[in-house]
C-alpha atoms as a PDB file:
ATOM      1  CA  UNK A   1     157.807   5.049-137.457  1.00  0.00           C
ATOM      2  CA  UNK A   2     155.371   2.144-137.779  1.00  0.00           C
ATOM      3  CA  UNK A   3     155.625  -0.588-135.143  1.00  0.00           C
ATOM      4  CA  UNK A   4     155.685  -4.044-136.826  1.00  0.00           C
ATOM      5  CA  UNK A   5     154.249  -5.686-133.687  1.00  0.00           C
ATOM      6  CA  UNK A   6     151.294  -3.317-133.711  1.00  0.00           C
ATOM      7  CA  UNK A   7     150.772  -4.015-137.424  1.00  0.00           C
ATOM      8  CA  UNK A   8     150.683  -7.770-136.708  1.00  0.00           C
ATOM      9  CA  UNK A   9     148.303  -7.178-133.787  1.00  0.00           C
ATOM     10  CA  UNK A  10     145.945  -5.254-136.103  1.00  0.00           C
ATOM     11  CA  UNK A  11     146.038  -8.002-138.738  1.00  0.00           C
ATOM     12  CA  UNK A  12     145.312 -10.686-136.135  1.00  0.00           C
ATOM     13  CA  UNK A  13     142.466  -8.615-134.692  1.00  0.00           C
ATOM     14  CA  UNK A  14     141.019  -8.025-138.170  1.00  0.00           C
ATOM     15  CA  UNK A  15     141.080 -11.749-138.880  1.00  0.00           C
ATOM     16  CA  UNK A  16     139.158 -12.461-135.652  1.00  0.00           C
ATOM     17  CA  UNK A  17     136.638  -9.662-136.263  1.00  0.00           C
ATOM     18  CA  UNK A  18     136.089 -10.715-139.903  1.00  0.00           C
ATOM     19  CA  UNK A  19     135.583 -14.313-138.755  1.00  0.00           C
ATOM     20  CA  UNK A  20     133.040 -13.316-136.108  1.00  0.00           C
ATOM     21  CA  UNK A  21     131.104 -10.574-137.923  1.00  0.00           C
ATOM     22  CA  UNK A  22     131.803 -11.172-141.610  1.00  0.00           C
ATOM     23  CA  UNK A  23     133.688  -8.761-143.805  1.00  0.00           C
ATOM     24  CA  UNK A  24     130.903  -6.259-144.474  1.00  0.00           C
ATOM     25  CA  UNK A  25     129.784  -5.974-140.843  1.00  0.00           C
ATOM     26  CA  UNK A  26     133.323  -5.711-139.501  1.00  0.00           C
ATOM     27  CA  UNK A  27     134.252  -2.104-138.919  1.00  0.00           C
ATOM     28  CA  UNK A  28     137.561  -0.380-138.390  1.00  0.00           C
ATOM     29  CA  UNK A  29     136.250   0.608-134.951  1.00  0.00           C
ATOM     30  CA  UNK A  30     135.587  -3.048-134.012  1.00  0.00           C
ATOM     31  CA  UNK A  31     139.012  -4.061-135.288  1.00  0.00           C
ATOM     32  CA  UNK A  32     140.668  -1.287-133.253  1.00  0.00           C
ATOM     33  CA  UNK A  33     138.813  -2.416-130.131  1.00  0.00           C
ATOM     34  CA  UNK A  34     139.846  -6.036-130.718  1.00  0.00           C
ATOM     35  CA  UNK A  35     143.468  -4.920-131.228  1.00  0.00           C
ATOM     36  CA  UNK A  36     143.207  -2.859-128.006  1.00  0.00           C
ATOM     37  CA  UNK A  37     144.147   0.358-129.762  1.00  0.00           C
ATOM     38  CA  UNK A  38     143.358   3.666-128.107  1.00  0.00           C
ATOM     39  CA  UNK A  39     142.031   5.080-131.375  1.00  0.00           C
ATOM     40  CA  UNK A  40     140.703   3.469-134.541  1.00  0.00           C
ATOM     41  CA  UNK A  41     142.592   6.151-136.465  1.00  0.00           C
ATOM     42  CA  UNK A  42     145.820   4.281-135.648  1.00  0.00           C
ATOM     43  CA  UNK A  43     144.787   1.556-138.092  1.00  0.00           C
ATOM     44  CA  UNK A  44     145.049   4.071-140.922  1.00  0.00           C
ATOM     45  CA  UNK A  45     148.698   4.612-140.040  1.00  0.00           C
ATOM     46  CA  UNK A  46     149.309   0.998-141.116  1.00  0.00           C
ATOM     47  CA  UNK A  47     146.533   0.307-143.644  1.00  0.00           C
ATOM     48  CA  UNK A  48     144.787   2.529-146.168  1.00  0.00           C
ATOM     49  CA  UNK A  49     141.380   0.909-145.567  1.00  0.00           C
ATOM     50  CA  UNK A  50     139.563  -2.296-144.698  1.00  0.00           C
ATOM     51  CA  UNK A  51     140.332  -3.765-148.137  1.00  0.00           C
ATOM     52  CA  UNK A  52     144.046  -3.305-147.479  1.00  0.00           C
ATOM     53  CA  UNK A  53     143.621  -5.247-144.233  1.00  0.00           C
ATOM     54  CA  UNK A  54     141.876  -8.006-146.170  1.00  0.00           C
ATOM     55  CA  UNK A  55     144.727  -8.126-148.677  1.00  0.00           C
ATOM     56  CA  UNK A  56     147.273  -8.312-145.852  1.00  0.00           C
ATOM     57  CA  UNK A  57     145.414 -11.191-144.192  1.00  0.00           C
ATOM     58  CA  UNK A  58     145.560 -13.102-147.453  1.00  0.00           C
ATOM     59  CA  UNK A  59     149.168 -12.232-148.120  1.00  0.00           C
ATOM     60  CA  UNK A  60     150.353 -13.202-144.653  1.00  0.00           C
ATOM     61  CA  UNK A  61     148.087 -16.186-144.153  1.00  0.00           C
ATOM     62  CA  UNK A  62     147.831 -17.866-147.535  1.00  0.00           C
ATOM     63  CA  UNK A  63     151.145 -19.127-148.934  1.00  0.00           C
ATOM     64  CA  UNK A  64     149.992 -19.014-152.552  1.00  0.00           C
ATOM     65  CA  UNK A  65     149.080 -15.337-152.204  1.00  0.00           C
ATOM     66  CA  UNK A  66     152.752 -14.663-151.524  1.00  0.00           C
ATOM     67  CA  UNK A  67     153.523 -15.632-155.116  1.00  0.00           C
ATOM     68  CA  UNK A  68     152.755 -12.044-156.061  1.00  0.00           C
ATOM     69  CA  UNK A  69     156.194 -11.125-154.697  1.00  0.00           C
ATOM     70  CA  UNK A  70     158.238 -13.191-157.167  1.00  0.00           C
ATOM     71  CA  UNK A  71     161.478 -12.261-158.856  1.00  0.00           C
ATOM     72  CA  UNK A  72     162.411 -12.963-162.482  1.00  0.00           C
ATOM     73  CA  UNK A  73     164.248 -16.097-161.260  1.00  0.00           C
ATOM     74  CA  UNK A  74     160.805 -17.627-160.555  1.00  0.00           C
ATOM     75  CA  UNK A  75     160.259 -18.023-164.289  1.00  0.00           C
ATOM     76  CA  UNK A  76     163.539 -19.893-164.708  1.00  0.00           C
ATOM     77  CA  UNK A  77     162.693 -22.679-162.229  1.00  0.00           C
ATOM     78  CA  UNK A  78     161.958 -25.862-164.185  1.00  0.00           C
ATOM     79  CA  UNK A  79     158.373 -27.160-163.935  1.00  0.00           C
ATOM     80  CA  UNK A  80     159.462 -30.496-162.450  1.00  0.00           C
ATOM     81  CA  UNK A  81     160.787 -28.508-159.480  1.00  0.00           C
ATOM     82  CA  UNK A  82     158.266 -25.678-159.220  1.00  0.00           C
ATOM     83  CA  UNK A  83     154.983 -27.543-159.724  1.00  0.00           C
ATOM     84  CA  UNK A  84     155.569 -30.051-156.882  1.00  0.00           C
ATOM     85  CA  UNK A  85     156.643 -27.146-154.637  1.00  0.00           C
ATOM     86  CA  UNK A  86     153.410 -25.274-155.399  1.00  0.00           C
ATOM     87  CA  UNK A  87     151.358 -28.419-154.855  1.00  0.00           C
ATOM     88  CA  UNK A  88     153.022 -28.943-151.453  1.00  0.00           C
ATOM     89  CA  UNK A  89     152.213 -25.327-150.559  1.00  0.00           C
ATOM     90  CA  UNK A  90     148.591 -25.957-151.510  1.00  0.00           C
ATOM     91  CA  UNK A  91     148.325 -29.202-149.532  1.00  0.00           C
ATOM     92  CA  UNK A  92     150.076 -27.726-146.507  1.00  0.00           C
ATOM     93  CA  UNK A  93     147.724 -24.755-146.572  1.00  0.00           C
ATOM     94  CA  UNK A  94     144.657 -26.975-146.601  1.00  0.00           C
ATOM     95  CA  UNK A  95     145.794 -28.658-143.374  1.00  0.00           C
ATOM     96  CA  UNK A  96     146.868 -25.499-141.564  1.00  0.00           C
ATOM     97  CA  UNK A  97     144.571 -24.244-138.774  1.00  0.00           C
ATOM     98  CA  UNK A  98     145.365 -20.576-139.460  1.00  0.00           C
ATOM     99  CA  UNK A  99     144.511 -21.041-143.131  1.00  0.00           C
ATOM    100  CA  UNK A 100     141.269 -22.708-142.085  1.00  0.00           C
ATOM    101  CA  UNK A 101     140.356 -19.614-140.053  1.00  0.00           C
ATOM    102  CA  UNK A 102     140.997 -17.456-143.096  1.00  0.00           C
ATOM    103  CA  UNK A 103     138.954 -19.769-145.314  1.00  0.00           C
ATOM    104  CA  UNK A 104     136.082 -19.579-142.824  1.00  0.00           C
ATOM    105  CA  UNK A 105     136.087 -15.815-143.365  1.00  0.00           C
ATOM    106  CA  UNK A 106     136.338 -15.774-147.134  1.00  0.00           C
ATOM    107  CA  UNK A 107     134.367 -18.744-148.476  1.00  0.00           C
ATOM    108  CA  UNK A 108     130.984 -17.773-146.979  1.00  0.00           C
ATOM    109  CA  UNK A 109     131.479 -14.129-147.942  1.00  0.00           C
ATOM    110  CA  UNK A 110     132.359 -14.976-151.552  1.00  0.00           C
ATOM    111  CA  UNK A 111     129.236 -17.115-151.830  1.00  0.00           C
ATOM    112  CA  UNK A 112     126.721 -14.568-150.528  1.00  0.00           C
ATOM    113  CA  UNK A 113     128.311 -11.251-151.399  1.00  0.00           C
ATOM    114  CA  UNK A 114     129.006 -10.327-155.031  1.00  0.00           C
ATOM    115  CA  UNK A 115     131.043  -7.234-154.169  1.00  0.00           C
ATOM    116  CA  UNK A 116     133.208  -9.243-151.781  1.00  0.00           C
ATOM    117  CA  UNK A 117     133.681 -11.901-154.444  1.00  0.00           C
ATOM    118  CA  UNK A 118     134.963  -9.194-156.784  1.00  0.00           C
ATOM    119  CA  UNK A 119     137.350  -7.840-154.114  1.00  0.00           C
ATOM    120  CA  UNK A 120     138.544 -11.357-153.278  1.00  0.00           C
ATOM    121  CA  UNK A 121     139.088 -12.018-156.981  1.00  0.00           C
ATOM    122  CA  UNK A 122     141.147  -8.842-157.342  1.00  0.00           C
ATOM    123  CA  UNK A 123     143.474 -10.074-154.610  1.00  0.00           C
ATOM    124  CA  UNK A 124     143.775 -13.705-155.710  1.00  0.00           C
ATOM    125  CA  UNK A 125     143.587 -13.362-159.506  1.00  0.00           C
ATOM    126  CA  UNK A 126     147.105 -11.957-159.902  1.00  0.00           C
ATOM    127  CA  UNK A 127     148.479 -15.141-158.323  1.00  0.00           C
ATOM    128  CA  UNK A 128     146.727 -17.331-160.861  1.00  0.00           C
ATOM    129  CA  UNK A 129     147.676 -14.957-163.670  1.00  0.00           C
ATOM    130  CA  UNK A 130     151.298 -15.283-162.604  1.00  0.00           C
ATOM    131  CA  UNK A 131     151.038 -19.068-162.683  1.00  0.00           C
ATOM    132  CA  UNK A 132     149.329 -18.942-166.085  1.00  0.00           C
ATOM    133  CA  UNK A 133     152.119 -16.713-167.384  1.00  0.00           C
ATOM    134  CA  UNK A 134     154.689 -19.151-165.995  1.00  0.00           C
ATOM    135  CA  UNK A 135     152.989 -21.980-167.879  1.00  0.00           C
ATOM    136  CA  UNK A 136     152.999 -19.926-171.092  1.00  0.00           C
ATOM    137  CA  UNK A 137     156.731 -19.293-170.607  1.00  0.00           C
ATOM    138  CA  UNK A 138     157.303 -23.028-170.195  1.00  0.00           C
ATOM    139  CA  UNK A 139     155.391 -23.686-173.425  1.00  0.00           C
ATOM    140  CA  UNK A 140     157.465 -21.036-175.195  1.00  0.00           C
ATOM    141  CA  UNK A 141     160.658 -22.698-173.894  1.00  0.00           C
ATOM    142  CA  UNK A 142     159.497 -26.082-175.173  1.00  0.00           C
ATOM    143  CA  UNK A 143     159.009 -27.658-171.748  1.00  0.00           C
ATOM    144  CA  UNK A 144     155.260 -28.176-172.364  1.00  0.00           C
ATOM    145  CA  UNK A 145     153.228 -28.746-175.500  1.00  0.00           C
ATOM    146  CA  UNK A 146     150.920 -25.833-176.371  1.00  0.00           C
ATOM    147  CA  UNK A 147     147.724 -27.830-175.853  1.00  0.00           C
ATOM    148  CA  UNK A 148     148.959 -30.481-173.465  1.00  0.00           C
ATOM    149  CA  UNK A 149     146.994 -31.590-170.437  1.00  0.00           C
ATOM    150  CA  UNK A 150     149.287 -30.009-167.861  1.00  0.00           C
ATOM    151  CA  UNK A 151     148.584 -26.366-168.829  1.00  0.00           C
ATOM    152  CA  UNK A 152     144.872 -27.143-169.136  1.00  0.00           C
ATOM    153  CA  UNK A 153     144.862 -28.726-165.681  1.00  0.00           C
ATOM    154  CA  UNK A 154     146.882 -25.825-164.319  1.00  0.00           C
ATOM    155  CA  UNK A 155     144.366 -23.314-165.656  1.00  0.00           C
ATOM    156  CA  UNK A 156     141.639 -25.117-163.693  1.00  0.00           C
ATOM    157  CA  UNK A 157     143.671 -25.011-160.480  1.00  0.00           C
ATOM    158  CA  UNK A 158     141.852 -21.966-159.010  1.00  0.00           C
ATOM    159  CA  UNK A 159     138.636 -23.987-159.023  1.00  0.00           C
ATOM    160  CA  UNK A 160     140.331 -26.992-157.423  1.00  0.00           C
ATOM    161  CA  UNK A 161     141.758 -24.734-154.706  1.00  0.00           C
ATOM    162  CA  UNK A 162     138.282 -23.402-153.908  1.00  0.00           C
ATOM    163  CA  UNK A 163     136.717 -26.876-153.905  1.00  0.00           C
ATOM    164  CA  UNK A 164     139.371 -28.388-151.639  1.00  0.00           C
ATOM    165  CA  UNK A 165     139.193 -25.466-149.201  1.00  0.00           C
ATOM    166  CA  UNK A 166     135.388 -25.601-149.122  1.00  0.00           C
ATOM    167  CA  UNK A 167     135.549 -29.345-148.431  1.00  0.00           C
ATOM    168  CA  UNK A 168     137.976 -28.678-145.599  1.00  0.00           C
ATOM    169  CA  UNK A 169     135.604 -26.144-144.052  1.00  0.00           C
ATOM    170  CA  UNK A 170     132.607 -28.464-144.425  1.00  0.00           C
ATOM    171  CA  UNK A 171     134.521 -31.415-142.957  1.00  0.00           C
ATOM    172  CA  UNK A 172     135.621 -29.294-140.016  1.00  0.00           C
ATOM    173  CA  UNK A 173     132.016 -28.323-139.288  1.00  0.00           C
ATOM    174  CA  UNK A 174     130.843 -31.923-139.541  1.00  0.00           C
ATOM    175  CA  UNK A 175     133.542 -33.477-137.390  1.00  0.00           C
ATOM    176  CA  UNK A 176     134.284 -30.652-134.981  1.00  0.00           C
ATOM    177  CA  UNK A 177     134.223 -31.584-131.289  1.00  0.00           C
ATOM    178  CA  UNK A 178     133.971 -27.962-130.151  1.00  0.00           C
END
């Protein structure tokens, strides 16, 4: 039986190792050492591979990534309730220190590493596809006009998320007292 505390310890260790070494240079062996595991093979009991660890870091650490686990009731929530809730999640995430650590791992890697950018996109794209589908459902239900500004703005949200997170990282570097 898998120990949930050990799983959390592995995820935390992976986040630290990715932050220090970058995704490509981080190895399962380094992560196992950081997690103080006796054998790196134990990681495979909890995660299929390094990409699965990456996906778990995003899922656990980034609130918007958790949207992938929605129920059909999600699509019934009116936009005037759901959109402010999602915006609050976004703004809260930008100011969260743990999220900042995750962003420090992913933003530089997505800029310099095309394969990582593709992997990152595979993890995050379903979230934005879900939101796009929600907006289409709202149009179909008559809550939005087909070519109104709200759906257009919503479709550009992934870019705004990246820009705001990159600004947060740059501001932290500029004003850090560490």
